[in-house]
């Protein structure tokens, strides 16, 4: 039997900001430049206004040495909750 969640899963943008950007003391501008995306799009992502697309997941995975699938799974959990 599947377990029932009592709270909303963490948005991948929030996790990226807390675990990557804040830990490395990177600004939105610098991070966006490194990822090759607009500052506006990154800001919307970390502020949970846009979902983690396959393109974003791939860029983050490459930059952080993580798997693309892990970012997409986080987004899927948020989507299912919503």
C-alpha atoms as a PDB file:
ATOM      1  CA  UNK A   1       0.000   0.000   0.000  1.00  0.00           C
ATOM      2  CA  UNK A   2       1.304   3.447  -0.926  1.00  0.00           C
ATOM      3  CA  UNK A   3       2.085   5.866   1.838  1.00  0.00           C
ATOM      4  CA  UNK A   4       0.050   9.048   2.116  1.00  0.00           C
ATOM      5  CA  UNK A   5       1.862  12.383   2.156  1.00  0.00           C
ATOM      6  CA  UNK A   6       0.837  14.882   4.792  1.00  0.00           C
ATOM      7  CA  UNK A   7       2.544  17.866   3.213  1.00  0.00           C
ATOM      8  CA  UNK A   8       3.334  19.187  -0.226  1.00  0.00           C
ATOM      9  CA  UNK A   9       6.620  17.995  -1.771  1.00  0.00           C
ATOM     10  CA  UNK A  10       9.396  20.557  -2.145  1.00  0.00           C
ATOM     11  CA  UNK A  11       9.472  22.321  -5.504  1.00  0.00           C
ATOM     12  CA  UNK A  12      12.740  21.564  -7.344  1.00  0.00           C
ATOM     13  CA  UNK A  13      13.408  25.299  -7.727  1.00  0.00           C
ATOM     14  CA  UNK A  14      13.348  25.833  -3.987  1.00  0.00           C
ATOM     15  CA  UNK A  15      15.680  22.883  -3.459  1.00  0.00           C
ATOM     16  CA  UNK A  16      18.033  24.157  -6.160  1.00  0.00           C
ATOM     17  CA  UNK A  17      18.180  27.579  -4.522  1.00  0.00           C
ATOM     18  CA  UNK A  18      18.746  26.257  -0.998  1.00  0.00           C
ATOM     19  CA  UNK A  19      21.093  23.363  -1.742  1.00  0.00           C
ATOM     20  CA  UNK A  20      23.049  24.733  -4.691  1.00  0.00           C
ATOM     21  CA  UNK A  21      22.845  28.490  -5.067  1.00  0.00           C
ATOM     22  CA  UNK A  22      22.858  29.395  -1.382  1.00  0.00           C
ATOM     23  CA  UNK A  23      25.546  26.847  -0.526  1.00  0.00           C
ATOM     24  CA  UNK A  24      27.823  28.155  -3.285  1.00  0.00           C
ATOM     25  CA  UNK A  25      26.811  31.774  -2.629  1.00  0.00           C
ATOM     26  CA  UNK A  26      25.741  32.238  -6.250  1.00  0.00           C
ATOM     27  CA  UNK A  27      23.465  35.054  -7.356  1.00  0.00           C
ATOM     28  CA  UNK A  28      20.514  34.626  -9.700  1.00  0.00           C
ATOM     29  CA  UNK A  29      22.446  36.494 -12.381  1.00  0.00           C
ATOM     30  CA  UNK A  30      25.591  34.367 -12.103  1.00  0.00           C
ATOM     31  CA  UNK A  31      23.669  31.101 -11.885  1.00  0.00           C
ATOM     32  CA  UNK A  32      21.540  31.992 -14.908  1.00  0.00           C
ATOM     33  CA  UNK A  33      24.672  32.827 -16.880  1.00  0.00           C
ATOM     34  CA  UNK A  34      26.267  29.503 -15.943  1.00  0.00           C
ATOM     35  CA  UNK A  35      23.119  27.572 -16.870  1.00  0.00           C
ATOM     36  CA  UNK A  36      22.670  29.481 -20.138  1.00  0.00           C
ATOM     37  CA  UNK A  37      19.168  30.720 -19.319  1.00  0.00           C
ATOM     38  CA  UNK A  38      17.608  34.104 -18.660  1.00  0.00           C
ATOM     39  CA  UNK A  39      17.755  35.651 -15.225  1.00  0.00           C
ATOM     40  CA  UNK A  40      13.951  36.030 -15.316  1.00  0.00           C
ATOM     41  CA  UNK A  41      13.387  32.338 -16.009  1.00  0.00           C
ATOM     42  CA  UNK A  42      15.716  31.263 -13.209  1.00  0.00           C
ATOM     43  CA  UNK A  43      14.060  33.701 -10.823  1.00  0.00           C
ATOM     44  CA  UNK A  44      10.634  32.303 -11.711  1.00  0.00           C
ATOM     45  CA  UNK A  45      11.946  28.760 -11.226  1.00  0.00           C
ATOM     46  CA  UNK A  46      13.518  29.283  -7.800  1.00  0.00           C
ATOM     47  CA  UNK A  47      10.442  31.228  -6.681  1.00  0.00           C
ATOM     48  CA  UNK A  48       8.249  28.256  -7.689  1.00  0.00           C
ATOM     49  CA  UNK A  49       6.383  30.132 -10.425  1.00  0.00           C
ATOM     50  CA  UNK A  50       7.361  27.757 -13.234  1.00  0.00           C
ATOM     51  CA  UNK A  51       7.872  23.995 -13.244  1.00  0.00           C
ATOM     52  CA  UNK A  52      11.118  22.161 -13.862  1.00  0.00           C
ATOM     53  CA  UNK A  53      11.083  21.376 -17.570  1.00  0.00           C
ATOM     54  CA  UNK A  54      13.153  18.639 -19.185  1.00  0.00           C
ATOM     55  CA  UNK A  55      15.497  21.336 -20.516  1.00  0.00           C
ATOM     56  CA  UNK A  56      15.951  22.883 -17.069  1.00  0.00           C
ATOM     57  CA  UNK A  57      16.457  19.474 -15.475  1.00  0.00           C
ATOM     58  CA  UNK A  58      19.141  18.655 -18.036  1.00  0.00           C
ATOM     59  CA  UNK A  59      20.956  21.961 -17.485  1.00  0.00           C
ATOM     60  CA  UNK A  60      20.870  21.585 -13.689  1.00  0.00           C
ATOM     61  CA  UNK A  61      21.963  17.954 -13.856  1.00  0.00           C
ATOM     62  CA  UNK A  62      24.956  18.828 -16.030  1.00  0.00           C
ATOM     63  CA  UNK A  63      25.953  21.739 -13.804  1.00  0.00           C
ATOM     64  CA  UNK A  64      25.606  19.860 -10.513  1.00  0.00           C
ATOM     65  CA  UNK A  65      26.612  16.317 -11.410  1.00  0.00           C
ATOM     66  CA  UNK A  66      23.172  15.005 -10.510  1.00  0.00           C
ATOM     67  CA  UNK A  67      20.694  13.083 -12.620  1.00  0.00           C
ATOM     68  CA  UNK A  68      18.170  14.749 -14.865  1.00  0.00           C
ATOM     69  CA  UNK A  69      15.619  12.203 -13.697  1.00  0.00           C
ATOM     70  CA  UNK A  70      15.939  13.248 -10.048  1.00  0.00           C
ATOM     71  CA  UNK A  71      14.867  16.818 -10.925  1.00  0.00           C
ATOM     72  CA  UNK A  72      12.009  15.591 -13.085  1.00  0.00           C
ATOM     73  CA  UNK A  73      10.874  13.234 -10.313  1.00  0.00           C
ATOM     74  CA  UNK A  74      10.758  16.134  -7.852  1.00  0.00           C
ATOM     75  CA  UNK A  75       8.612  18.094 -10.285  1.00  0.00           C
ATOM     76  CA  UNK A  76       6.346  15.100 -10.879  1.00  0.00           C
ATOM     77  CA  UNK A  77       5.757  14.774  -7.121  1.00  0.00           C
ATOM     78  CA  UNK A  78       4.728  18.444  -6.966  1.00  0.00           C
ATOM     79  CA  UNK A  79       2.480  18.013 -10.016  1.00  0.00           C
ATOM     80  CA  UNK A  80       0.737  14.981  -8.502  1.00  0.00           C
ATOM     81  CA  UNK A  81       0.170  16.847  -5.246  1.00  0.00           C
ATOM     82  CA  UNK A  82      -1.319  19.847  -7.085  1.00  0.00           C
END
